[in-house]
Amino acid sequence: MTDGGAQPSGGVAGVGSGRGGACAFPPARAGLNGSVRVPGDKSVSHRAVLFGAVNDGPLHVSGFLCSADTLATVEAVRALGVDVKEAGTDLVVCGAGWEGLREPADVVDVKNSGTLIRLLPGLVASSAFLCILTGDASIRRRPMARVLRPLRAMGVSVAGRGNDTLPPIAVRGGSLRGMRHEMQVASAQVKSCIMLAGLRAEGPTEICEPAASRDHTERIIRYAGGRVEREGDAKGPGIVRVWPVDGLRMDSLTVPGDFSSAAFFIVAASLIEGSEVTVENAGLNPSRTGLLAVLRRMGASLRVEETAAAGPEPVGRIIAATSALKATDVGADEVPNVIDELPLFLLAAAKAEGVSHLRGAAELRAKESDRLGAMAALLRALGVDVVEHPDGMDVHGRPEGWTGGQIATQADHRIAMCAAIAGAASSKGTIIDDADCIAVSYPDFVHHLEVLGGR
């Protein structure tokens, strides 16, 4: 087997097209075969830097994802006065507690990172200084009231464009009080923001979520010596409680491989004839791996072997092989734990026998792009019949596959990678308008696809 992680490519620009931008992805005629080690988990990488910034002492981070999104978080904490030493995928975040944070001298630019613009306000909520955040055009369309309203209820002075609903946003922190917040939509980003503030509040803070969302923040809080508990159905509604802490204390934190990145090769192996792919060092956090249950319902050939733990996170290998897929449904109860992989579910459904249904996923319309609209356009470009709904989609599968087509990514990294996998699974290939956006989460994606047998 070939270790796809052993030969870093340094990015995607120019693959198939000469220079950056548009990119062609021909079919993988002999299937995808071999082993790949995906980069560090994006969600955990963000949180490692943010928690490291207020850690009592330096935090050594290994396996960090070096991508546009996560490096924006590194620059953000530097703007807050925190020194970060970089050595490839190893970092040292020189935290000095919350008292070590300083007022930024300028507006903090989160670039394209939705995680950063939603978590950073919680980090600075107890700091008595002004922090203004903005980002690119996509970020400036992100709904922010769901973050700003609970922070205001805790005692934070907040403001934003569009009657406090859109970035840029301004946060002036101070003394916080614990409270109970009812979330209308399950969101790990919103939950994490409130928990970060709750660590510095007077009294416990309760967050009622309508469905279980990813729990990376809870795991890191416990790992750092804090107290957080969840009451309720492990996969359904529940109440998350967090208590204030005197400080957070970690010496080191290892970032597991990103399951969302692994998912592209898992689905690719399922769709492409003659494939068997092993993803090594993949994060196996149960709140992130909901796609595996969905794919198993569809008849995918999958094997999961847990091998170790990366700090607070379980890790292991996932082996996926060519499969004849059948349609399935994904409803609102499953969406929170599959939210980033839903475009891949829709792509898998496009080659499944029968009609698959997705509901309860309106949140996809507020990501880097309108991902429901973008995936509907992608599938139609492949010749797949779809019916789009405000919160989902019906996909009429084509087990015989598709020829290919031209795909508009809307500058969304996950749409671009779905289009690349669609090309590898096609008979004639796909052409996408923007491959550079892939660097937001997976700079070596194209290289790894080629190592496994893609073209």
Protein backbone atom coordinates (compact mmCIF):
# COMPACT_ATOMS: atom_id res chain seq x y z
CA MET A 1 0.00 0.00 0.00
CA THR A 2 1.07 3.55 -0.66
CA ASP A 3 1.13 6.02 2.18
CA GLY A 4 -0.57 9.06 0.65
CA GLY A 5 0.43 11.18 3.61
CA ALA A 6 4.14 10.67 3.04
CA GLN A 7 4.49 12.98 0.06
CA PRO A 8 3.14 16.47 0.75
CA SER A 9 2.24 18.41 -2.36
CA GLY A 10 1.97 21.91 -0.96
CA GLY A 11 -1.43 22.67 -2.43
CA VAL A 12 -3.76 22.26 -5.38
CA ALA A 13 -3.01 25.18 -7.66
CA GLY A 14 -2.42 24.29 -11.26
CA VAL A 15 -3.57 20.66 -11.12
CA GLY A 16 -5.11 19.74 -14.46
CA SER A 17 -5.33 23.31 -15.74
CA GLY A 18 -1.90 24.87 -15.87
CA ARG A 19 -2.32 27.50 -13.17
CA GLY A 20 -4.77 27.69 -10.27
CA GLY A 21 -8.52 28.24 -10.60
CA ALA A 22 -10.27 25.83 -12.97
CA CYS A 23 -9.29 22.18 -12.70
CA ALA A 24 -10.12 18.94 -14.54
CA PHE A 25 -10.68 15.64 -12.73
CA PRO A 26 -10.72 12.65 -15.13
CA PRO A 27 -12.17 9.25 -14.14
CA ALA A 28 -10.10 6.92 -11.96
CA ARG A 29 -10.18 4.05 -14.44
CA ALA A 30 -8.43 1.50 -12.22
CA GLY A 31 -10.20 2.53 -9.02
CA LEU A 32 -8.68 4.05 -5.89
CA ASN A 33 -6.40 1.80 -3.89
CA GLY A 34 -3.94 2.22 -1.05
CA SER A 35 -3.58 4.01 2.24
CA VAL A 36 -3.86 7.69 3.06
CA ARG A 37 -3.25 9.69 6.22
CA VAL A 38 -5.53 12.69 6.22
CA PRO A 39 -4.51 16.02 7.80
CA GLY A 40 -5.40 17.09 11.32
CA ASP A 41 -8.99 17.69 12.32
CA LYS A 42 -10.04 21.24 11.50
CA SER A 43 -12.49 21.56 14.40
CA VAL A 44 -9.99 20.29 16.96
CA SER A 45 -7.17 22.41 15.48
CA HIS A 46 -9.24 25.58 15.90
CA ARG A 47 -10.11 24.67 19.48
CA ALA A 48 -6.54 23.67 20.38
CA VAL A 49 -5.32 27.16 19.49
CA LEU A 50 -8.22 28.98 21.16
CA PHE A 51 -8.01 26.99 24.40
CA GLY A 52 -4.23 27.17 24.26
CA ALA A 53 -4.49 30.95 24.16
CA VAL A 54 -6.06 30.96 27.66
CA ASN A 55 -4.21 27.91 29.02
CA ASP A 56 -2.18 28.35 32.17
CA GLY A 57 1.18 27.93 30.48
CA PRO A 58 2.38 26.79 27.06
CA LEU A 59 0.36 24.16 25.20
CA HIS A 60 2.23 21.88 22.79
CA VAL A 61 -0.04 20.93 19.88
CA SER A 62 0.89 18.14 17.47
CA GLY A 63 -0.90 17.12 14.27
CA PHE A 64 -2.21 20.66 13.73
CA LEU A 65 -3.99 21.25 10.40
CA CYS A 66 -2.11 23.93 8.48
CA SER A 67 -4.92 25.35 6.34
CA ALA A 68 -6.27 28.78 5.52
CA ASP A 69 -9.03 28.49 8.14
CA THR A 70 -6.90 27.29 11.03
CA LEU A 71 -4.04 29.68 10.32
CA ALA A 72 -6.59 32.50 10.58
CA THR A 73 -7.16 31.30 14.16
CA VAL A 74 -3.42 31.40 14.84
CA GLU A 75 -3.30 35.00 13.60
CA ALA A 76 -6.38 35.89 15.64
CA VAL A 77 -4.86 34.79 18.96
CA ARG A 78 -1.62 36.57 18.04
CA ALA A 79 -3.72 39.71 17.59
CA LEU A 80 -4.91 39.09 21.17
CA GLY A 81 -1.31 39.16 22.41
CA VAL A 82 -0.65 35.41 22.51
CA ASP A 83 2.63 34.13 21.11
CA VAL A 84 2.36 31.05 18.85
CA LYS A 85 5.48 29.21 17.68
CA GLU A 86 4.99 27.19 14.49
CA ALA A 87 7.01 24.21 13.22
CA GLY A 88 4.95 22.58 10.48
CA THR A 89 2.14 20.60 12.10
CA ASP A 90 3.55 21.26 15.59
CA LEU A 91 2.66 24.40 17.53
CA VAL A 92 3.41 25.86 20.90
CA VAL A 93 0.64 28.22 22.04
CA CYS A 94 2.06 30.34 24.86
CA GLY A 95 -1.04 30.90 26.94
CA ALA A 96 -1.10 32.96 30.13
CA GLY A 97 -4.73 32.46 31.13
CA TRP A 98 -7.56 34.81 30.25
CA GLU A 99 -5.63 37.57 32.01
CA GLY A 100 -2.97 37.27 29.32
CA LEU A 101 -5.31 38.35 26.52
CA ARG A 102 -4.83 41.90 25.20
CA GLU A 103 -7.06 44.23 23.23
CA PRO A 104 -6.39 43.83 19.47
CA ALA A 105 -4.84 46.89 17.85
CA ASP A 106 -6.92 46.35 14.71
CA VAL A 107 -9.98 44.53 13.43
CA VAL A 108 -9.52 40.74 13.59
CA ASP A 109 -9.96 39.15 10.15
CA VAL A 110 -11.28 35.58 10.40
CA LYS A 111 -10.89 35.12 6.61
CA ASN A 112 -13.34 32.33 5.61
CA SER A 113 -13.59 30.64 9.01
CA GLY A 114 -17.12 30.27 10.34
CA THR A 115 -15.80 28.40 13.38
CA LEU A 116 -13.53 31.28 14.34
CA ILE A 117 -16.09 34.06 14.04
CA ARG A 118 -18.51 32.08 16.24
CA LEU A 119 -16.08 30.82 18.90
CA LEU A 120 -13.81 33.83 19.36
CA PRO A 121 -16.59 36.04 20.83
CA GLY A 122 -17.01 33.45 23.61
CA LEU A 123 -13.27 33.43 24.30
CA VAL A 124 -13.10 37.22 24.80
CA ALA A 125 -16.52 37.57 26.47
CA SER A 126 -15.00 38.05 29.93
CA SER A 127 -12.23 40.43 28.80
CA ALA A 128 -12.91 44.11 29.42
CA PHE A 129 -11.76 45.30 26.01
CA LEU A 130 -13.14 45.79 22.52
CA CYS A 131 -12.73 43.10 19.87
CA ILE A 132 -14.09 43.65 16.35
CA LEU A 133 -14.31 40.72 13.95
CA THR A 134 -14.90 40.56 10.22
CA GLY A 135 -14.16 38.16 7.38
CA ASP A 136 -14.54 37.59 3.66
CA ALA A 137 -17.74 38.06 1.67
CA SER A 138 -19.01 34.61 2.65
CA ILE A 139 -18.44 35.26 6.36
CA ARG A 140 -20.20 38.62 6.18
CA ARG A 141 -23.36 36.72 5.19
CA ARG A 142 -23.19 34.34 8.18
CA PRO A 143 -26.04 34.68 10.71
CA MET A 144 -24.60 35.89 14.03
CA ALA A 145 -27.67 36.64 16.16
CA ARG A 146 -27.61 33.06 17.48
CA VAL A 147 -24.23 33.87 19.07
CA LEU A 148 -24.69 37.52 20.00
CA ARG A 149 -28.05 37.16 21.75
CA PRO A 150 -26.93 34.59 24.37
CA LEU A 151 -23.71 36.53 24.98
CA ARG A 152 -25.74 39.69 25.57
CA ALA A 153 -27.91 37.74 28.05
CA MET A 154 -24.72 36.79 29.91
CA GLY A 155 -23.68 40.44 30.24
CA VAL A 156 -21.54 41.03 27.13
CA SER A 157 -21.88 44.24 25.11
CA VAL A 158 -22.29 43.16 21.47
CA ALA A 159 -23.17 44.81 18.17
CA GLY A 160 -23.25 43.81 14.54
CA ARG A 161 -24.32 44.87 11.10
CA GLY A 162 -27.96 44.33 10.09
CA ASN A 163 -29.44 45.03 13.51
CA ASP A 164 -26.87 42.84 15.28
CA THR A 165 -27.37 39.87 12.96
CA LEU A 166 -24.37 39.96 10.58
CA PRO A 167 -20.60 40.57 10.61
CA PRO A 168 -18.65 42.68 11.16
CA ILE A 169 -19.39 42.30 14.86
CA ALA A 170 -18.08 44.11 17.94
CA VAL A 171 -17.68 42.48 21.36
CA ARG A 172 -16.82 44.29 24.58
CA GLY A 173 -16.50 41.81 27.41
CA GLY A 174 -16.91 42.14 31.15
CA SER A 175 -18.43 40.38 34.14
CA LEU A 176 -20.53 37.40 33.08
CA ARG A 177 -23.44 35.61 34.69
CA GLY A 178 -24.40 32.02 34.03
CA MET A 179 -27.76 31.44 32.39
CA ARG A 180 -29.96 28.90 30.63
CA HIS A 181 -30.11 29.14 26.84
CA GLU A 182 -32.55 27.30 24.58
CA MET A 183 -31.02 26.61 21.17
CA GLN A 184 -33.51 26.47 18.30
CA VAL A 185 -31.01 24.69 16.00
CA ALA A 186 -28.34 22.25 17.18
CA SER A 187 -24.98 23.89 16.47
CA ALA A 188 -21.62 22.92 17.96
CA GLN A 189 -20.25 26.37 17.09
CA VAL A 190 -22.95 28.24 18.99
CA LYS A 191 -22.80 25.79 21.89
CA SER A 192 -19.01 26.15 22.06
CA CYS A 193 -19.18 29.94 22.11
CA ILE A 194 -21.57 29.88 25.06
CA MET A 195 -19.46 27.27 26.89
CA LEU A 196 -16.32 29.36 26.46
CA ALA A 197 -18.12 32.29 28.05
CA GLY A 198 -19.60 30.00 30.68
CA LEU A 199 -16.13 29.02 31.87
CA ARG A 200 -15.74 32.60 33.10
CA ALA A 201 -19.30 33.26 34.31
CA GLU A 202 -20.68 33.46 37.83
CA GLY A 203 -22.49 30.18 38.38
CA PRO A 204 -23.19 27.34 35.95
CA THR A 205 -24.41 27.84 32.39
CA GLU A 206 -26.98 25.54 30.79
CA ILE A 207 -27.43 25.02 27.04
CA CYS A 208 -30.50 23.12 25.86
CA GLU A 209 -29.89 21.63 22.42
CA PRO A 210 -32.64 20.03 20.31
CA ALA A 211 -30.24 17.31 19.14
CA ALA A 212 -26.76 16.17 20.10
CA SER A 213 -24.04 18.12 18.28
CA ARG A 214 -20.30 17.44 18.07
CA ASP A 215 -18.60 17.49 21.45
CA HIS A 216 -14.97 18.49 20.78
CA THR A 217 -15.28 21.52 23.07
CA GLU A 218 -16.67 19.46 25.95
CA ARG A 219 -13.85 16.94 25.60
CA ILE A 220 -11.15 19.61 25.66
CA ILE A 221 -12.70 21.33 28.69
CA ARG A 222 -12.59 18.04 30.62
CA TYR A 223 -9.08 17.31 29.33
CA ALA A 224 -7.97 20.71 30.67
CA GLY A 225 -9.47 20.06 34.10
CA GLY A 226 -12.82 21.81 33.70
CA ARG A 227 -16.27 20.47 34.46
CA VAL A 228 -18.93 19.97 31.80
CA GLU A 229 -21.80 17.48 31.77
CA ARG A 230 -24.58 16.50 29.39
CA GLU A 231 -27.98 15.22 30.44
CA GLY A 232 -30.33 13.58 27.95
CA ASP A 233 -30.40 11.25 24.97
CA ALA A 234 -26.89 10.60 23.67
CA LYS A 235 -28.11 11.20 20.11
CA GLY A 236 -31.11 13.41 20.77
CA PRO A 237 -32.14 16.47 22.79
CA GLY A 238 -30.17 17.25 25.92
CA ILE A 239 -28.88 19.85 28.37
CA VAL A 240 -25.19 20.71 28.47
CA ARG A 241 -23.98 22.29 31.72
CA VAL A 242 -20.62 23.98 32.16
CA TRP A 243 -19.16 25.36 35.38
CA PRO A 244 -16.71 28.25 35.79
CA VAL A 245 -13.03 27.42 36.21
CA ASP A 246 -10.10 29.10 37.90
CA GLY A 247 -7.94 28.13 34.94
CA LEU A 248 -7.27 25.54 32.25
CA ARG A 249 -4.17 23.37 32.45
CA MET A 250 -2.85 21.26 29.57
CA ASP A 251 0.71 20.40 28.67
CA SER A 252 0.09 18.85 25.26
CA LEU A 253 -2.72 18.02 22.86
CA THR A 254 -2.62 15.73 19.82
CA VAL A 255 -5.00 16.51 16.96
CA PRO A 256 -6.50 13.41 15.28
CA GLY A 257 -6.95 13.06 11.54
CA ASP A 258 -10.00 14.93 10.26
CA PHE A 259 -12.99 12.62 9.76
CA SER A 260 -14.59 15.12 7.39
CA SER A 261 -11.48 14.90 5.18
CA ALA A 262 -11.42 11.10 5.48
CA ALA A 263 -15.06 10.99 4.40
CA PHE A 264 -14.19 12.09 0.86
CA PHE A 265 -12.05 9.01 0.29
CA ILE A 266 -14.51 6.73 2.10
CA VAL A 267 -17.30 7.80 -0.25
CA ALA A 268 -14.98 7.78 -3.27
CA ALA A 269 -13.99 4.18 -2.57
CA SER A 270 -17.65 3.22 -2.22
CA LEU A 271 -18.56 4.79 -5.58
CA ILE A 272 -15.61 3.87 -7.80
CA GLU A 273 -15.33 0.36 -9.20
CA GLY A 274 -12.26 -1.62 -8.14
CA SER A 275 -11.49 0.49 -5.05
CA GLU A 276 -10.26 -0.28 -1.54
CA VAL A 277 -8.93 2.60 0.52
CA THR A 278 -7.60 2.64 4.08
CA VAL A 279 -7.66 5.93 5.97
CA GLU A 280 -5.13 5.92 8.81
CA ASN A 281 -5.25 7.96 12.04
CA ALA A 282 -8.83 9.10 11.45
CA GLY A 283 -10.68 10.76 14.31
CA LEU A 284 -13.47 8.46 15.51
CA ASN A 285 -15.35 10.81 17.82
CA PRO A 286 -18.90 9.37 17.83
CA SER A 287 -20.36 12.86 17.52
CA ARG A 288 -18.55 13.24 14.17
CA THR A 289 -18.88 9.85 12.49
CA GLY A 290 -22.61 9.80 11.78
CA LEU A 291 -21.89 9.39 8.06
CA LEU A 292 -20.62 5.85 8.72
CA ALA A 293 -24.04 4.79 10.02
CA VAL A 294 -25.72 6.39 7.00
CA LEU A 295 -23.38 4.65 4.56
CA ARG A 296 -23.85 1.30 6.31
CA ARG A 297 -27.62 1.66 5.85
CA MET A 298 -26.89 2.20 2.17
CA GLY A 299 -24.93 -1.06 2.01
CA ALA A 300 -21.39 0.36 2.00
CA SER A 301 -18.48 -1.99 2.69
CA LEU A 302 -16.82 -0.43 5.74
CA ARG A 303 -14.51 -1.62 8.50
CA VAL A 304 -13.48 0.53 11.46
CA GLU A 305 -10.59 -0.34 13.79
CA GLU A 306 -10.02 1.88 16.80
CA THR A 307 -6.29 1.97 17.51
CA ALA A 308 -5.50 4.63 20.11
CA ALA A 309 -6.48 7.97 21.57
CA ALA A 310 -5.23 11.39 20.49
CA GLY A 311 -5.52 13.36 23.72
CA PRO A 312 -9.26 13.57 24.39
CA GLU A 313 -10.23 12.05 21.01
CA PRO A 314 -10.41 8.39 19.83
CA VAL A 315 -8.60 7.54 16.58
CA GLY A 316 -8.26 4.55 14.28
CA ARG A 317 -8.35 3.34 10.69
CA ILE A 318 -11.29 3.09 8.31
CA ILE A 319 -11.27 0.68 5.37
CA ALA A 320 -13.80 1.30 2.58
CA ALA A 321 -14.35 -0.64 -0.65
CA THR A 322 -16.53 -0.52 -3.75
CA SER A 323 -20.18 -1.10 -2.90
CA ALA A 324 -23.59 -1.31 -4.55
CA LEU A 325 -25.49 1.38 -2.65
CA LYS A 326 -29.19 1.61 -1.91
CA ALA A 327 -31.16 4.76 -1.12
CA THR A 328 -31.76 5.89 2.45
CA ASP A 329 -33.18 8.88 4.30
CA VAL A 330 -31.45 11.34 6.62
CA GLY A 331 -33.73 13.33 8.93
CA ALA A 332 -33.34 16.24 11.33
CA ASP A 333 -32.26 13.97 14.21
CA GLU A 334 -29.16 12.81 12.31
CA VAL A 335 -28.21 16.11 10.70
CA PRO A 336 -26.08 17.64 13.51
CA ASN A 337 -23.59 14.74 13.47
CA VAL A 338 -23.42 14.61 9.66
CA ILE A 339 -23.64 18.33 8.91
CA ASP A 340 -20.27 18.71 7.14
CA GLU A 341 -20.61 15.37 5.34
CA LEU A 342 -24.12 15.94 3.97
CA PRO A 343 -22.80 16.96 0.52
CA LEU A 344 -21.05 13.58 0.39
CA PHE A 345 -24.23 11.79 1.43
CA LEU A 346 -26.02 13.51 -1.47
CA LEU A 347 -23.26 12.45 -3.86
CA ALA A 348 -23.47 8.84 -2.61
CA ALA A 349 -27.26 8.98 -2.98
CA ALA A 350 -26.78 10.03 -6.62
CA LYS A 351 -25.35 6.58 -7.40
CA ALA A 352 -27.64 4.58 -5.10
CA GLU A 353 -30.59 2.49 -6.20
CA GLY A 354 -33.82 4.32 -5.37
CA VAL A 355 -34.74 7.76 -4.07
CA SER A 356 -32.95 9.20 -1.03
CA HIS A 357 -34.42 11.99 1.08
CA LEU A 358 -32.69 14.64 3.20
CA ARG A 359 -34.71 16.82 5.60
CA GLY A 360 -33.97 19.14 8.51
CA ALA A 361 -30.80 20.50 6.92
CA ALA A 362 -31.65 24.19 6.35
CA GLU A 363 -28.39 24.99 8.19
CA LEU A 364 -26.55 23.96 5.01
CA ARG A 365 -27.78 27.14 3.35
CA ALA A 366 -25.69 29.23 5.78
CA LYS A 367 -22.31 27.59 5.27
CA GLU A 368 -19.43 28.80 3.04
CA SER A 369 -22.02 28.60 0.27
CA ASP A 370 -25.66 27.60 0.09
CA ARG A 371 -24.59 23.96 0.10
CA LEU A 372 -28.06 22.62 -0.66
CA GLY A 373 -28.30 24.83 -3.73
CA ALA A 374 -24.70 24.13 -4.74
CA MET A 375 -25.14 20.35 -4.45
CA ALA A 376 -28.43 20.45 -6.36
CA ALA A 377 -26.61 22.27 -9.17
CA LEU A 378 -23.68 19.82 -9.00
CA LEU A 379 -25.92 16.75 -9.23
CA ARG A 380 -27.97 18.23 -12.06
CA ALA A 381 -24.73 18.93 -13.94
CA LEU A 382 -24.04 15.19 -13.65
CA GLY A 383 -27.49 14.38 -15.05
CA VAL A 384 -28.99 13.32 -11.72
CA ASP A 385 -32.63 14.19 -11.02
CA VAL A 386 -33.11 16.06 -7.76
CA VAL A 387 -35.95 17.91 -6.06
CA GLU A 388 -34.75 20.72 -3.83
CA HIS A 389 -36.60 21.67 -0.63
CA PRO A 390 -36.01 24.57 1.79
CA ASP A 391 -34.42 22.16 4.29
CA GLY A 392 -33.28 19.28 2.12
CA MET A 393 -33.40 17.36 -1.13
CA ASP A 394 -34.76 14.28 -2.86
CA VAL A 395 -32.13 12.49 -4.96
CA HIS A 396 -33.13 9.99 -7.65
CA GLY A 397 -30.16 7.67 -7.77
CA ARG A 398 -28.41 6.52 -10.95
CA PRO A 399 -26.67 3.23 -10.15
CA GLU A 400 -25.27 3.23 -13.68
CA GLY A 401 -23.34 6.38 -12.84
CA TRP A 402 -22.81 9.55 -14.80
CA THR A 403 -20.74 10.92 -17.67
CA GLY A 404 -19.41 14.04 -15.95
CA GLY A 405 -19.94 17.76 -16.30
CA GLN A 406 -18.84 21.27 -15.45
CA ILE A 407 -19.27 22.23 -11.81
CA ALA A 408 -19.47 25.64 -10.11
CA THR A 409 -17.98 25.40 -6.60
CA GLN A 410 -19.23 28.77 -5.28
CA ALA A 411 -15.76 29.03 -3.70
CA ASP A 412 -16.73 26.30 -1.22
CA HIS A 413 -14.01 23.76 -0.40
CA ARG A 414 -16.41 20.90 0.31
CA ILE A 415 -18.32 21.42 -2.94
CA ALA A 416 -15.02 21.48 -4.83
CA MET A 417 -13.88 18.18 -3.30
CA CYS A 418 -17.28 16.59 -3.97
CA ALA A 419 -16.92 17.67 -7.61
CA ALA A 420 -13.44 16.11 -7.75
CA ILE A 421 -14.76 12.79 -6.37
CA ALA A 422 -17.67 12.98 -8.84
CA GLY A 423 -15.10 13.29 -11.63
CA ALA A 424 -13.10 10.31 -10.39
CA ALA A 425 -16.34 8.28 -10.29
CA SER A 426 -17.51 9.40 -13.76
CA SER A 427 -16.93 8.03 -17.24
CA LYS A 428 -15.53 11.25 -18.75
CA GLY A 429 -14.56 13.50 -15.83
CA THR A 430 -15.55 16.83 -14.31
CA ILE A 431 -14.24 20.36 -14.68
CA ILE A 432 -14.55 22.63 -11.66
CA ASP A 433 -14.20 26.40 -11.73
CA ASP A 434 -12.13 26.79 -8.53
CA ALA A 435 -9.75 24.24 -7.05
CA ASP A 436 -7.84 26.76 -4.95
CA CYS A 437 -10.64 26.92 -2.35
CA ILE A 438 -9.81 23.32 -1.34
CA ALA A 439 -6.86 24.72 0.64
CA VAL A 440 -9.34 26.05 3.23
CA SER A 441 -9.47 22.60 4.84
CA TYR A 442 -7.34 20.09 2.90
CA PRO A 443 -4.36 21.58 1.01
CA ASP A 444 -3.02 18.16 -0.05
CA PHE A 445 -6.34 16.71 -1.19
CA VAL A 446 -5.53 16.60 -4.91
CA HIS A 447 -2.14 15.04 -4.28
CA HIS A 448 -3.66 12.36 -2.07
CA LEU A 449 -6.33 11.64 -4.68
CA GLU A 450 -3.59 11.13 -7.26
CA VAL A 451 -1.54 8.88 -4.95
CA LEU A 452 -4.57 6.61 -4.53
CA GLY A 453 -5.10 6.37 -8.29
CA GLY A 454 -7.08 9.45 -9.21
CA ARG A 455 -5.98 11.64 -12.11
